[in-house]
Each structure stands twice: as structure tokens, then as C-alpha cells.
Amino acid sequence: MGWIPVGLAAIAAYLTRSNTSGVLFWLAVSSGVLAFWSYGIMHNRPYASATKRRDAAVARLRADGMSEEEIHASGLNRVAITDEDAQLAPDWAAQLNMVASLGSVVALTWAIIKVL
């Protein structure tokens, strides 16, 4: 789910930094860390696949004698993640990210209720 649950968890941790029990603070911190870690896994595998495909295409163009300017003009200087690449993200990481996202929302809701 991206950076949103990490941000929500950071806000919840900030709001509960002086909480006497610390349970809510550590729930927010652990949810944020888990969301960040699982998002990294879901991003890195597709990105590695797209990078490998782009590097192979650039190598073919160089072997065909294209100049660096022509390769740059072709748009291959950027990595484009396709739908097929996105399917390489493991399901367990997506499920873990969903749990962390829900934990972030719960922690933020709980923190707002405690602050009010």
C-alpha cells in the first residue's frame, strides 16, 4: 500500500511518544517498520525484474552499434515496471503489508482517541 501506512504509523508514534504504558507507541512503531519492510519486498522484486529486462535491451542496442545518445533518446534510461513485473511480488508480503496497514490505522485511531 505504499508509504501511507508508514506515515500513519509515524503520526501515531508521535502522538503516543509520552504514553505511560508504551504499548500503543510500540504498536505504531512495529506497524510502521513492518509496512516499510513488506513494501520494500513488494517493490524490489518487480524492480529487479524490470531492471534486468532493461539492461538486456540496452546491451542488445549497444551490440547493434547504437550510440549512448540514441539509447538515451529511446527511453531505455528509465526502468518501467510492467503488470507482469508487478505480479512477481510475493503474496505473503502483500498480506503482511495489509496487516501492517490495518495495524497503522488502528494505532492512529487509538492514539487520536487517547489524545482527545
N, C-alpha and C. Protein backbone atom coordinates (compact mmCIF):
# COMPACT_ATOMS: atom_id res chain seq x y z
N MET A 1 0.81 -1.18 0.00
CA MET A 1 0.00 0.00 0.00
C MET A 1 0.86 1.25 0.00
N GLY A 2 2.12 1.10 -0.11
CA GLY A 2 2.99 2.25 -0.26
C GLY A 2 3.41 2.89 1.05
N TRP A 3 3.59 4.19 0.97
CA TRP A 3 4.10 4.94 2.11
C TRP A 3 3.01 5.39 3.08
N ILE A 4 1.76 5.27 2.72
CA ILE A 4 0.68 5.76 3.56
C ILE A 4 0.66 5.10 4.94
N PRO A 5 0.70 3.76 5.05
CA PRO A 5 0.69 3.17 6.39
C PRO A 5 1.93 3.53 7.21
N VAL A 6 3.05 3.74 6.55
CA VAL A 6 4.27 4.15 7.27
C VAL A 6 4.06 5.54 7.86
N GLY A 7 3.47 6.43 7.08
CA GLY A 7 3.19 7.78 7.58
C GLY A 7 2.16 7.78 8.69
N LEU A 8 1.12 6.96 8.55
CA LEU A 8 0.10 6.88 9.61
C LEU A 8 0.70 6.35 10.90
N ALA A 9 1.57 5.35 10.77
CA ALA A 9 2.22 4.80 11.96
C ALA A 9 3.16 5.81 12.59
N ALA A 10 3.83 6.59 11.78
CA ALA A 10 4.73 7.62 12.32
C ALA A 10 3.94 8.69 13.08
N ILE A 11 2.80 9.07 12.55
CA ILE A 11 1.95 10.04 13.24
C ILE A 11 1.45 9.46 14.56
N ALA A 12 1.02 8.20 14.53
CA ALA A 12 0.54 7.55 15.75
C ALA A 12 1.66 7.44 16.78
N ALA A 13 2.87 7.11 16.35
CA ALA A 13 4.00 7.02 17.28
C ALA A 13 4.33 8.40 17.86
N TYR A 14 4.24 9.42 17.05
CA TYR A 14 4.50 10.77 17.55
C TYR A 14 3.46 11.19 18.60
N LEU A 15 2.21 10.87 18.33
CA LEU A 15 1.14 11.25 19.25
C LEU A 15 1.23 10.49 20.58
N THR A 16 1.80 9.30 20.55
CA THR A 16 1.84 8.47 21.76
C THR A 16 3.25 8.35 22.35
N ARG A 17 4.13 9.24 21.98
CA ARG A 17 5.52 9.13 22.43
C ARG A 17 5.66 9.23 23.94
N SER A 18 4.73 9.88 24.61
CA SER A 18 4.81 10.01 26.07
C SER A 18 3.73 9.18 26.77
N ASN A 19 3.21 8.17 26.07
CA ASN A 19 2.21 7.29 26.65
C ASN A 19 2.83 6.50 27.80
N THR A 20 2.12 6.39 28.90
CA THR A 20 2.70 5.76 30.09
C THR A 20 2.96 4.27 29.91
N SER A 21 2.07 3.55 29.23
CA SER A 21 2.27 2.11 29.10
C SER A 21 3.23 1.75 27.97
N GLY A 22 3.25 2.52 26.92
CA GLY A 22 4.14 2.27 25.80
C GLY A 22 3.63 1.26 24.80
N VAL A 23 2.53 0.57 25.12
CA VAL A 23 2.01 -0.46 24.22
C VAL A 23 1.58 0.16 22.90
N LEU A 24 0.87 1.24 22.96
CA LEU A 24 0.38 1.89 21.74
C LEU A 24 1.55 2.44 20.91
N PHE A 25 2.53 3.01 21.57
CA PHE A 25 3.71 3.54 20.87
C PHE A 25 4.42 2.41 20.11
N TRP A 26 4.65 1.29 20.78
CA TRP A 26 5.37 0.19 20.14
C TRP A 26 4.51 -0.51 19.09
N LEU A 27 3.19 -0.48 19.25
CA LEU A 27 2.31 -1.00 18.19
C LEU A 27 2.46 -0.14 16.94
N ALA A 28 2.50 1.17 17.13
CA ALA A 28 2.65 2.08 15.98
C ALA A 28 4.02 1.90 15.33
N VAL A 29 5.06 1.81 16.14
CA VAL A 29 6.41 1.65 15.58
C VAL A 29 6.54 0.32 14.84
N SER A 30 6.05 -0.76 15.44
CA SER A 30 6.18 -2.07 14.79
C SER A 30 5.33 -2.14 13.52
N SER A 31 4.15 -1.52 13.53
CA SER A 31 3.33 -1.49 12.31
C SER A 31 4.04 -0.71 11.20
N GLY A 32 4.65 0.40 11.56
CA GLY A 32 5.38 1.19 10.56
C GLY A 32 6.57 0.46 9.98
N VAL A 33 7.33 -0.20 10.85
CA VAL A 33 8.50 -0.95 10.38
C VAL A 33 8.07 -2.12 9.50
N LEU A 34 7.04 -2.83 9.92
CA LEU A 34 6.54 -3.96 9.13
C LEU A 34 6.00 -3.50 7.78
N ALA A 35 5.29 -2.39 7.76
CA ALA A 35 4.77 -1.86 6.50
C ALA A 35 5.90 -1.45 5.57
N PHE A 36 6.92 -0.79 6.12
CA PHE A 36 8.06 -0.36 5.31
C PHE A 36 8.82 -1.55 4.75
N TRP A 37 9.06 -2.56 5.58
CA TRP A 37 9.82 -3.75 5.16
C TRP A 37 9.06 -4.52 4.08
N SER A 38 7.76 -4.76 4.30
CA SER A 38 7.00 -5.55 3.32
C SER A 38 6.81 -4.77 2.02
N TYR A 39 6.69 -3.45 2.11
CA TYR A 39 6.60 -2.65 0.89
C TYR A 39 7.91 -2.75 0.10
N GLY A 40 9.02 -2.77 0.80
CA GLY A 40 10.31 -2.92 0.14
C GLY A 40 10.41 -4.22 -0.63
N ILE A 41 9.93 -5.30 -0.02
CA ILE A 41 9.96 -6.60 -0.71
C ILE A 41 9.04 -6.57 -1.93
N MET A 42 7.86 -5.97 -1.77
CA MET A 42 6.93 -5.93 -2.90
C MET A 42 7.44 -5.02 -4.01
N HIS A 43 8.30 -4.08 -3.71
CA HIS A 43 8.84 -3.18 -4.72
C HIS A 43 10.11 -3.75 -5.36
N ASN A 44 10.98 -4.34 -4.56
CA ASN A 44 12.29 -4.74 -5.05
C ASN A 44 12.26 -5.87 -6.06
N ARG A 45 11.41 -6.86 -5.88
CA ARG A 45 11.37 -7.97 -6.84
C ARG A 45 10.91 -7.52 -8.22
N PRO A 46 9.81 -6.80 -8.35
CA PRO A 46 9.43 -6.31 -9.68
C PRO A 46 10.45 -5.35 -10.28
N TYR A 47 11.05 -4.51 -9.45
CA TYR A 47 12.04 -3.55 -9.95
C TYR A 47 13.29 -4.29 -10.47
N ALA A 48 13.71 -5.33 -9.77
CA ALA A 48 14.86 -6.12 -10.22
C ALA A 48 14.57 -6.79 -11.56
N SER A 49 13.37 -7.31 -11.74
CA SER A 49 12.99 -7.94 -13.00
C SER A 49 12.97 -6.92 -14.13
N ALA A 50 12.40 -5.75 -13.88
CA ALA A 50 12.33 -4.71 -14.91
C ALA A 50 13.73 -4.19 -15.25
N THR A 51 14.59 -4.08 -14.24
CA THR A 51 15.97 -3.63 -14.48
C THR A 51 16.73 -4.64 -15.33
N LYS A 52 16.53 -5.92 -15.05
CA LYS A 52 17.20 -6.97 -15.83
C LYS A 52 16.76 -6.92 -17.29
N ARG A 53 15.46 -6.72 -17.51
CA ARG A 53 14.94 -6.64 -18.87
C ARG A 53 15.47 -5.41 -19.59
N ARG A 54 15.52 -4.25 -18.90
CA ARG A 54 16.03 -3.03 -19.49
C ARG A 54 17.52 -3.17 -19.81
N ASP A 55 18.29 -3.75 -18.89
CA ASP A 55 19.73 -3.92 -19.13
C ASP A 55 19.99 -4.83 -20.33
N ALA A 56 19.17 -5.86 -20.50
CA ALA A 56 19.33 -6.75 -21.65
C ALA A 56 19.02 -6.00 -22.95
N ALA A 57 17.99 -5.16 -22.93
CA ALA A 57 17.64 -4.38 -24.13
C ALA A 57 18.73 -3.38 -24.46
N VAL A 58 19.30 -2.72 -23.45
CA VAL A 58 20.39 -1.77 -23.68
C VAL A 58 21.62 -2.49 -24.23
N ALA A 59 21.90 -3.67 -23.71
CA ALA A 59 23.05 -4.45 -24.20
C ALA A 59 22.85 -4.83 -25.68
N ARG A 60 21.62 -5.19 -26.05
CA ARG A 60 21.34 -5.51 -27.46
C ARG A 60 21.54 -4.29 -28.35
N LEU A 61 21.07 -3.12 -27.87
CA LEU A 61 21.24 -1.90 -28.66
C LEU A 61 22.71 -1.53 -28.81
N ARG A 62 23.47 -1.70 -27.74
CA ARG A 62 24.92 -1.42 -27.83
C ARG A 62 25.61 -2.39 -28.78
N ALA A 63 25.18 -3.66 -28.75
CA ALA A 63 25.76 -4.65 -29.66
C ALA A 63 25.42 -4.33 -31.11
N ASP A 64 24.27 -3.71 -31.33
CA ASP A 64 23.87 -3.32 -32.68
C ASP A 64 24.55 -2.04 -33.14
N GLY A 65 25.33 -1.39 -32.25
CA GLY A 65 26.10 -0.23 -32.63
C GLY A 65 25.43 1.11 -32.37
N MET A 66 24.38 1.13 -31.58
CA MET A 66 23.73 2.41 -31.25
C MET A 66 24.59 3.22 -30.31
N SER A 67 24.54 4.53 -30.47
CA SER A 67 25.30 5.41 -29.59
C SER A 67 24.54 5.59 -28.27
N GLU A 68 25.25 6.13 -27.28
CA GLU A 68 24.62 6.35 -25.97
C GLU A 68 23.51 7.40 -26.07
N GLU A 69 23.67 8.38 -26.95
CA GLU A 69 22.64 9.39 -27.13
C GLU A 69 21.36 8.78 -27.70
N GLU A 70 21.53 7.85 -28.67
CA GLU A 70 20.37 7.20 -29.26
C GLU A 70 19.67 6.28 -28.24
N ILE A 71 20.46 5.62 -27.42
CA ILE A 71 19.89 4.76 -26.37
C ILE A 71 19.13 5.62 -25.37
N HIS A 72 19.71 6.75 -25.00
CA HIS A 72 19.04 7.65 -24.06
C HIS A 72 17.76 8.20 -24.67
N ALA A 73 17.79 8.53 -25.94
CA ALA A 73 16.61 9.07 -26.62
C ALA A 73 15.52 8.01 -26.77
N SER A 74 15.89 6.73 -26.74
CA SER A 74 14.89 5.67 -26.89
C SER A 74 14.05 5.48 -25.63
N GLY A 75 14.47 6.08 -24.52
CA GLY A 75 13.71 5.96 -23.28
C GLY A 75 14.13 4.81 -22.40
N LEU A 76 15.17 4.12 -22.79
CA LEU A 76 15.62 2.97 -22.00
C LEU A 76 16.51 3.38 -20.82
N ASN A 77 16.65 4.66 -20.58
CA ASN A 77 17.42 5.09 -19.42
C ASN A 77 16.59 5.00 -18.14
N ARG A 78 15.27 4.77 -18.28
CA ARG A 78 14.39 4.62 -17.13
C ARG A 78 13.91 3.19 -17.02
N VAL A 79 13.67 2.76 -15.81
CA VAL A 79 13.13 1.42 -15.57
C VAL A 79 11.62 1.53 -15.49
N ALA A 80 10.94 0.77 -16.33
CA ALA A 80 9.48 0.77 -16.34
C ALA A 80 8.98 -0.57 -15.83
N ILE A 81 8.24 -0.54 -14.72
CA ILE A 81 7.68 -1.77 -14.16
C ILE A 81 6.35 -2.04 -14.84
N THR A 82 6.24 -3.21 -15.47
CA THR A 82 5.02 -3.59 -16.17
C THR A 82 4.11 -4.38 -15.24
N ASP A 83 2.93 -4.69 -15.73
CA ASP A 83 1.99 -5.50 -14.95
C ASP A 83 2.55 -6.90 -14.68
N GLU A 84 3.28 -7.43 -15.65
CA GLU A 84 3.88 -8.75 -15.45
C GLU A 84 4.94 -8.71 -14.35
N ASP A 85 5.69 -7.61 -14.29
CA ASP A 85 6.67 -7.45 -13.22
C ASP A 85 5.99 -7.34 -11.87
N ALA A 86 4.90 -6.61 -11.82
CA ALA A 86 4.19 -6.41 -10.56
C ALA A 86 3.64 -7.72 -10.00
N GLN A 87 3.36 -8.67 -10.88
CA GLN A 87 2.85 -9.96 -10.41
C GLN A 87 3.92 -10.78 -9.70
N LEU A 88 5.19 -10.37 -9.81
CA LEU A 88 6.27 -11.09 -9.14
C LEU A 88 6.34 -10.83 -7.65
N ALA A 89 5.64 -9.81 -7.18
CA ALA A 89 5.63 -9.52 -5.75
C ALA A 89 4.95 -10.69 -5.03
N PRO A 90 5.59 -11.21 -3.99
CA PRO A 90 5.01 -12.38 -3.32
C PRO A 90 3.72 -12.03 -2.58
N ASP A 91 2.79 -12.97 -2.60
CA ASP A 91 1.50 -12.76 -1.94
C ASP A 91 1.65 -12.59 -0.44
N TRP A 92 2.59 -13.32 0.16
CA TRP A 92 2.75 -13.23 1.62
C TRP A 92 3.20 -11.83 2.02
N ALA A 93 3.99 -11.17 1.19
CA ALA A 93 4.42 -9.81 1.50
C ALA A 93 3.25 -8.84 1.39
N ALA A 94 2.39 -9.06 0.41
CA ALA A 94 1.21 -8.20 0.26
C ALA A 94 0.26 -8.38 1.44
N GLN A 95 0.09 -9.63 1.87
CA GLN A 95 -0.79 -9.89 3.02
C GLN A 95 -0.20 -9.29 4.29
N LEU A 96 1.10 -9.41 4.45
CA LEU A 96 1.76 -8.83 5.61
C LEU A 96 1.65 -7.30 5.59
N ASN A 97 1.75 -6.72 4.41
CA ASN A 97 1.62 -5.28 4.28
C ASN A 97 0.20 -4.84 4.62
N MET A 98 -0.78 -5.64 4.26
CA MET A 98 -2.17 -5.32 4.59
C MET A 98 -2.38 -5.36 6.11
N VAL A 99 -1.82 -6.35 6.77
CA VAL A 99 -1.93 -6.44 8.23
C VAL A 99 -1.25 -5.24 8.88
N ALA A 100 -0.08 -4.88 8.39
CA ALA A 100 0.63 -3.72 8.93
C ALA A 100 -0.15 -2.43 8.68
N SER A 101 -0.79 -2.34 7.53
CA SER A 101 -1.59 -1.15 7.23
C SER A 101 -2.78 -1.04 8.18
N LEU A 102 -3.43 -2.16 8.42
CA LEU A 102 -4.55 -2.15 9.37
C LEU A 102 -4.05 -1.81 10.77
N GLY A 103 -2.89 -2.34 11.15
CA GLY A 103 -2.30 -2.00 12.44
C GLY A 103 -1.98 -0.53 12.55
N SER A 104 -1.53 0.08 11.48
CA SER A 104 -1.24 1.51 11.48
C SER A 104 -2.51 2.34 11.66
N VAL A 105 -3.57 1.93 10.98
CA VAL A 105 -4.83 2.65 11.09
C VAL A 105 -5.40 2.51 12.51
N VAL A 106 -5.33 1.29 13.06
CA VAL A 106 -5.81 1.07 14.43
C VAL A 106 -4.99 1.89 15.41
N ALA A 107 -3.67 1.88 15.26
CA ALA A 107 -2.81 2.64 16.17
C ALA A 107 -3.09 4.14 16.08
N LEU A 108 -3.29 4.65 14.88
CA LEU A 108 -3.57 6.07 14.73
C LEU A 108 -4.94 6.42 15.32
N THR A 109 -5.93 5.59 15.06
CA THR A 109 -7.26 5.83 15.62
C THR A 109 -7.22 5.81 17.14
N TRP A 110 -6.54 4.82 17.69
CA TRP A 110 -6.41 4.69 19.14
C TRP A 110 -5.66 5.90 19.71
N ALA A 111 -4.63 6.34 19.03
CA ALA A 111 -3.84 7.49 19.51
C ALA A 111 -4.68 8.77 19.50
N ILE A 112 -5.47 8.95 18.46
CA ILE A 112 -6.31 10.15 18.38
C ILE A 112 -7.35 10.13 19.49
N ILE A 113 -7.94 8.98 19.74
CA ILE A 113 -8.92 8.87 20.81
C ILE A 113 -8.28 9.17 22.17
N LYS A 114 -7.06 8.68 22.38
CA LYS A 114 -6.38 8.93 23.67
C LYS A 114 -5.99 10.40 23.82
N VAL A 115 -5.62 11.05 22.73
CA VAL A 115 -5.22 12.45 22.80
C VAL A 115 -6.42 13.35 23.07
N LEU A 116 -7.54 13.02 22.46
CA LEU A 116 -8.75 13.84 22.67
C LEU A 116 -9.27 13.57 24.04
